[in-house]
């Protein structure tokens, strides 16, 4: 009786919702589940394919060759030097972000069966979409580096710093967007249509197809700074600094004409803003995930 009374007197501690999980931190503590989700997505994408993952190399290689042929050879000296590489370096950033935007937005709704039945960190779904997009970004980097070497790539320390900064910016902003949009898409299915519009505008609001010197010549003041407030534009320009600039004949001249001033400082500012937005996106996701199963 004494033992029972002492146990009854012990404090129970705070009540914990058994369905609550630990957010992004818990996702990486369940790396095995994340790995399974990524493998599932990759198998679904290349199901019944004769060459499978090799398509991830074939498609970007064909794109690069076509850019070299159509722009480099047909336009010739009228075009920007090594224009094919300039476009492809920017495309790495744009393709990754648009893939994340599309796949990340649909990630929770697409896995509604798992959301209803299994208690796991729901952030795992947008994180898996990021991992799959990264998996497909690797072949694009391989093709870009091979192309850069063929053009006489001679990188300095600044090129490697720019490449790393561009990569981190695109990852942080991509994860923030995937978290926020995947949660909101559960409640507002019109978000998928908005994403399609955004994907169209992204291509033309970043200096990928056209050189940045056009923006310098035609925009000034507030409009110029507004253009450079786009994190994707900064990531594209940093990747140009890393892959394209070390291949041109006069890098010091092209750095002034084709890149904005204080590029690294702008990149660090975009990274800081992205980290704040990632924290906010995690908070939004945590607030909305409680009714995912009901909404789905």
Protein backbone atom coordinates (compact mmCIF):
# COMPACT_ATOMS: atom_id res chain seq x y z
CA UNK A 1 0.00 0.00 0.00
CA UNK A 2 2.83 2.37 0.83
CA UNK A 3 4.45 1.74 -2.55
CA UNK A 4 1.17 2.37 -4.37
CA UNK A 5 0.57 5.60 -2.49
CA UNK A 6 4.07 6.85 -3.27
CA UNK A 7 3.58 6.10 -6.94
CA UNK A 8 0.24 7.89 -6.98
CA UNK A 9 1.88 10.91 -5.43
CA UNK A 10 4.55 11.12 -8.14
CA UNK A 11 3.95 13.99 -10.60
CA UNK A 12 2.97 12.85 -14.06
CA UNK A 13 4.77 15.71 -15.84
CA UNK A 14 3.45 17.67 -18.79
CA UNK A 15 1.09 15.93 -21.17
CA UNK A 16 2.53 15.37 -24.63
CA UNK A 17 0.51 15.01 -27.80
CA UNK A 18 1.43 11.54 -29.06
CA UNK A 19 0.93 12.70 -32.63
CA UNK A 20 3.39 15.55 -32.38
CA UNK A 21 6.84 15.16 -33.91
CA UNK A 22 9.96 17.25 -33.78
CA UNK A 23 9.92 19.11 -37.10
CA UNK A 24 12.98 19.30 -39.34
CA UNK A 25 15.25 17.97 -36.61
CA UNK A 26 13.12 14.86 -36.34
CA UNK A 27 13.24 14.37 -40.10
CA UNK A 28 17.00 13.93 -40.02
CA UNK A 29 16.74 11.64 -37.02
CA UNK A 30 14.58 9.41 -39.23
CA UNK A 31 17.02 9.35 -42.14
CA UNK A 32 16.06 5.79 -43.01
CA UNK A 33 12.44 6.79 -43.68
CA UNK A 34 13.64 9.79 -45.68
CA UNK A 35 15.84 7.50 -47.76
CA UNK A 36 12.87 5.22 -48.46
CA UNK A 37 10.73 8.16 -49.60
CA UNK A 38 13.45 9.42 -51.93
CA UNK A 39 13.96 5.95 -53.42
CA UNK A 40 10.20 5.62 -53.92
CA UNK A 41 10.07 8.92 -55.83
CA UNK A 42 13.03 7.99 -58.01
CA UNK A 43 11.64 4.54 -58.80
CA UNK A 44 8.29 6.06 -59.74
CA UNK A 45 9.95 8.60 -62.06
CA UNK A 46 12.05 6.02 -63.94
CA UNK A 47 9.64 3.11 -63.82
CA UNK A 48 9.69 1.00 -67.03
CA UNK A 49 12.55 3.14 -68.39
CA UNK A 50 15.21 1.40 -70.48
CA UNK A 51 18.15 3.50 -69.31
CA UNK A 52 16.73 4.73 -65.99
CA UNK A 53 18.74 7.37 -64.16
CA UNK A 54 20.96 7.89 -67.23
CA UNK A 55 18.20 10.17 -68.55
CA UNK A 56 19.29 12.67 -65.91
CA UNK A 57 22.57 12.99 -67.83
CA UNK A 58 21.21 12.61 -71.36
CA UNK A 59 18.61 15.40 -71.17
CA UNK A 60 20.89 18.15 -69.78
CA UNK A 61 23.69 17.12 -72.16
CA UNK A 62 21.35 17.50 -75.14
CA UNK A 63 20.23 20.90 -73.81
CA UNK A 64 23.81 22.07 -73.50
CA UNK A 65 24.67 20.89 -77.03
CA UNK A 66 21.61 22.64 -78.47
CA UNK A 67 22.48 25.89 -76.70
CA UNK A 68 26.02 25.63 -78.03
CA UNK A 69 24.78 24.97 -81.56
CA UNK A 70 21.88 27.41 -81.80
CA UNK A 71 23.35 30.30 -79.82
CA UNK A 72 27.10 29.79 -79.96
CA UNK A 73 27.44 28.80 -83.60
CA UNK A 74 24.48 30.49 -85.29
CA UNK A 75 24.66 33.83 -83.48
CA UNK A 76 28.44 33.73 -83.35
CA UNK A 77 30.28 36.88 -82.23
CA UNK A 78 27.02 38.78 -81.80
CA UNK A 79 26.28 36.60 -78.81
CA UNK A 80 27.83 36.74 -75.35
CA UNK A 81 31.11 34.83 -75.12
CA UNK A 82 30.51 31.19 -74.19
CA UNK A 83 26.79 31.94 -74.09
CA UNK A 84 25.79 28.27 -73.92
CA UNK A 85 27.66 27.86 -70.65
CA UNK A 86 26.23 31.15 -69.35
CA UNK A 87 22.68 29.90 -69.95
CA UNK A 88 23.34 26.42 -68.60
CA UNK A 89 24.97 27.69 -65.39
CA UNK A 90 21.85 29.73 -64.68
CA UNK A 91 19.58 26.88 -65.68
CA UNK A 92 21.02 24.69 -62.91
CA UNK A 93 19.64 27.10 -60.31
CA UNK A 94 16.35 27.77 -62.11
CA UNK A 95 15.60 24.11 -62.84
CA UNK A 96 16.27 23.10 -59.26
CA UNK A 97 14.04 25.82 -57.83
CA UNK A 98 11.15 25.24 -60.26
CA UNK A 99 11.31 21.48 -59.58
CA UNK A 100 11.23 22.13 -55.84
CA UNK A 101 8.38 24.59 -56.28
CA UNK A 102 6.27 22.04 -58.14
CA UNK A 103 7.18 18.83 -56.31
CA UNK A 104 7.39 20.48 -52.88
CA UNK A 105 3.95 22.07 -53.17
CA UNK A 106 2.35 18.70 -53.99
CA UNK A 107 4.46 16.64 -51.59
CA UNK A 108 2.02 16.38 -48.66
CA UNK A 109 -1.13 15.95 -50.77
CA UNK A 110 0.64 13.38 -52.92
CA UNK A 111 1.44 11.28 -49.83
CA UNK A 112 -1.97 11.63 -48.19
CA UNK A 113 -2.21 7.87 -47.56
CA UNK A 114 0.91 8.01 -45.39
CA UNK A 115 -0.26 11.19 -43.66
CA UNK A 116 -3.50 9.47 -42.62
CA UNK A 117 -2.03 6.17 -41.45
CA UNK A 118 1.50 6.70 -40.15
CA UNK A 119 2.74 8.99 -37.42
CA UNK A 120 5.92 10.43 -38.89
CA UNK A 121 7.34 13.94 -39.28
CA UNK A 122 5.21 15.49 -42.04
CA UNK A 123 8.12 17.77 -42.95
CA UNK A 124 9.68 14.62 -44.37
CA UNK A 125 7.61 14.96 -47.54
CA UNK A 126 8.84 18.42 -48.65
CA UNK A 127 12.37 17.49 -47.53
CA UNK A 128 12.18 14.37 -49.72
CA UNK A 129 11.13 16.53 -52.67
CA UNK A 130 14.22 18.68 -52.06
CA UNK A 131 16.42 15.56 -51.95
CA UNK A 132 14.99 14.24 -55.24
CA UNK A 133 15.55 17.62 -56.92
CA UNK A 134 19.11 17.70 -55.61
CA UNK A 135 19.64 14.18 -56.95
CA UNK A 136 18.75 15.47 -60.42
CA UNK A 137 20.86 18.61 -60.03
CA UNK A 138 24.07 16.56 -59.73
CA UNK A 139 24.12 15.50 -63.44
CA UNK A 140 23.57 19.13 -64.46
CA UNK A 141 26.64 20.18 -62.45
CA UNK A 142 28.65 17.36 -64.07
CA UNK A 143 27.66 18.48 -67.58
CA UNK A 144 28.32 22.14 -66.71
CA UNK A 145 31.81 21.41 -65.35
CA UNK A 146 32.68 19.28 -68.40
CA UNK A 147 31.47 22.11 -70.65
CA UNK A 148 33.41 24.68 -68.63
CA UNK A 149 36.60 22.62 -68.93
CA UNK A 150 36.13 22.43 -72.70
CA UNK A 151 35.84 26.23 -72.75
CA UNK A 152 39.07 26.58 -70.75
CA UNK A 153 37.71 26.92 -67.21
CA UNK A 154 40.31 28.47 -64.91
CA UNK A 155 38.57 29.01 -61.54
CA UNK A 156 39.96 31.11 -58.73
CA UNK A 157 39.04 31.00 -55.04
CA UNK A 158 36.18 33.44 -55.65
CA UNK A 159 34.62 31.00 -58.11
CA UNK A 160 34.45 28.23 -55.52
CA UNK A 161 33.06 30.61 -52.90
CA UNK A 162 30.41 31.80 -55.37
CA UNK A 163 29.43 28.21 -56.23
CA UNK A 164 29.07 27.25 -52.57
CA UNK A 165 27.08 30.40 -51.75
CA UNK A 166 24.74 29.89 -54.72
CA UNK A 167 24.14 26.28 -53.67
CA UNK A 168 23.35 27.14 -50.05
CA UNK A 169 21.03 30.01 -51.04
CA UNK A 170 19.02 27.84 -53.41
CA UNK A 171 18.77 25.03 -50.86
CA UNK A 172 17.61 27.26 -47.98
CA UNK A 173 15.08 29.17 -50.07
CA UNK A 174 13.89 25.98 -51.76
CA UNK A 175 13.27 24.27 -48.43
CA UNK A 176 11.46 27.33 -47.06
CA UNK A 177 9.17 27.49 -50.09
CA UNK A 178 8.56 23.72 -50.09
CA UNK A 179 7.59 23.73 -46.40
CA UNK A 180 5.24 26.72 -46.63
CA UNK A 181 3.61 25.81 -49.95
CA UNK A 182 3.16 22.11 -49.14
CA UNK A 183 1.26 23.01 -45.97
CA UNK A 184 -0.89 25.69 -47.61
CA UNK A 185 -1.69 23.43 -50.57
CA UNK A 186 -3.52 21.07 -48.20
CA UNK A 187 -5.96 23.88 -47.42
CA UNK A 188 -5.97 25.82 -50.71
CA UNK A 189 -5.70 23.61 -53.79
CA UNK A 190 -5.63 26.69 -56.05
CA UNK A 191 -2.01 27.06 -54.98
CA UNK A 192 -1.01 24.54 -57.64
CA UNK A 193 -2.26 26.91 -60.35
CA UNK A 194 -0.36 29.78 -58.76
CA UNK A 195 2.80 27.66 -58.81
CA UNK A 196 2.41 27.08 -62.57
CA UNK A 197 2.25 30.84 -63.11
CA UNK A 198 5.30 31.36 -60.90
CA UNK A 199 7.27 28.76 -62.85
CA UNK A 200 6.60 30.69 -66.06
CA UNK A 201 7.62 34.05 -64.62
CA UNK A 202 10.76 32.72 -62.92
CA UNK A 203 12.40 31.92 -66.26
CA UNK A 204 12.05 35.51 -67.45
CA UNK A 205 12.78 37.32 -64.20
CA UNK A 206 16.26 35.85 -63.74
CA UNK A 207 19.36 36.60 -65.88
CA UNK A 208 19.53 33.15 -67.41
CA UNK A 209 18.42 33.42 -71.04
CA UNK A 210 19.52 37.05 -71.37
CA UNK A 211 22.75 38.58 -70.01
CA UNK A 212 22.69 40.74 -66.91
CA UNK A 213 24.18 43.67 -68.85
CA UNK A 214 20.72 44.24 -70.36
CA UNK A 215 19.32 44.82 -66.87
CA UNK A 216 22.17 47.19 -66.07
CA UNK A 217 21.46 49.21 -69.20
CA UNK A 218 17.67 49.38 -68.90
CA UNK A 219 16.94 49.44 -65.18
CA UNK A 220 18.16 51.86 -62.54
CA UNK A 221 17.43 52.97 -59.01
CA UNK A 222 14.56 51.19 -57.27
CA UNK A 223 13.74 48.91 -60.22
CA UNK A 224 17.36 47.74 -60.43
CA UNK A 225 17.51 46.94 -56.72
CA UNK A 226 14.08 45.30 -56.89
CA UNK A 227 15.34 43.00 -59.63
CA UNK A 228 18.33 42.05 -57.50
CA UNK A 229 16.12 41.40 -54.48
CA UNK A 230 15.15 38.13 -56.14
CA UNK A 231 17.21 35.39 -54.43
CA UNK A 232 17.08 33.26 -57.55
CA UNK A 233 18.66 36.05 -59.60
CA UNK A 234 21.50 36.29 -57.08
CA UNK A 235 21.97 32.49 -57.14
CA UNK A 236 22.09 32.53 -60.96
CA UNK A 237 24.65 35.35 -61.00
CA UNK A 238 26.79 33.59 -58.39
CA UNK A 239 26.74 30.42 -60.47
CA UNK A 240 27.75 32.48 -63.51
CA UNK A 241 30.63 33.83 -61.45
CA UNK A 242 31.64 30.27 -60.60
CA UNK A 243 31.25 28.49 -63.94
CA UNK A 244 31.03 31.02 -66.76
CA UNK A 245 33.29 33.94 -65.81
CA UNK A 246 36.48 31.81 -65.44
CA UNK A 247 36.10 30.74 -69.11
CA UNK A 248 35.99 34.16 -70.82
CA UNK A 249 38.98 35.89 -72.36
CA UNK A 250 38.67 39.07 -70.29
CA UNK A 251 37.15 38.11 -66.91
CA UNK A 252 37.90 41.47 -65.26
CA UNK A 253 35.95 43.34 -67.95
CA UNK A 254 33.03 40.89 -67.99
CA UNK A 255 32.87 40.91 -64.19
CA UNK A 256 32.06 44.62 -64.34
CA UNK A 257 29.60 44.43 -67.24
CA UNK A 258 27.85 41.10 -66.57
CA UNK A 259 27.77 40.94 -62.76
CA UNK A 260 26.39 43.41 -60.20
CA UNK A 261 28.54 45.19 -57.66
CA UNK A 262 28.80 43.63 -54.19
CA UNK A 263 27.63 40.24 -55.47
CA UNK A 264 28.97 38.28 -52.50
CA UNK A 265 27.47 40.71 -49.99
CA UNK A 266 24.11 40.44 -51.75
CA UNK A 267 24.43 36.65 -51.61
CA UNK A 268 25.08 36.67 -47.88
CA UNK A 269 22.11 38.98 -47.35
CA UNK A 270 19.87 36.61 -49.34
CA UNK A 271 21.12 33.68 -47.29
CA UNK A 272 20.34 35.48 -44.02
CA UNK A 273 16.84 36.39 -45.23
CA UNK A 274 16.33 32.82 -46.41
CA UNK A 275 17.22 31.40 -43.00
CA UNK A 276 14.67 33.71 -41.35
CA UNK A 277 12.02 32.65 -43.88
CA UNK A 278 12.92 28.99 -43.32
CA UNK A 279 12.26 29.43 -39.61
CA UNK A 280 8.93 31.13 -40.38
CA UNK A 281 8.00 28.42 -42.89
CA UNK A 282 8.66 25.76 -40.25
CA UNK A 283 6.38 27.62 -37.84
CA UNK A 284 3.63 27.85 -40.46
CA UNK A 285 3.97 24.16 -41.26
CA UNK A 286 3.79 23.23 -37.57
CA UNK A 287 0.66 25.31 -37.08
CA UNK A 288 -1.14 23.81 -40.09
CA UNK A 289 -0.08 20.17 -39.91
CA UNK A 290 -2.45 19.36 -37.03
CA UNK A 291 -5.40 19.19 -39.46
CA UNK A 292 -3.65 17.59 -42.43
CA UNK A 293 -5.31 14.19 -41.93
CA UNK A 294 -8.74 15.81 -41.58
CA UNK A 295 -8.30 17.97 -44.69
CA UNK A 296 -6.97 15.08 -46.75
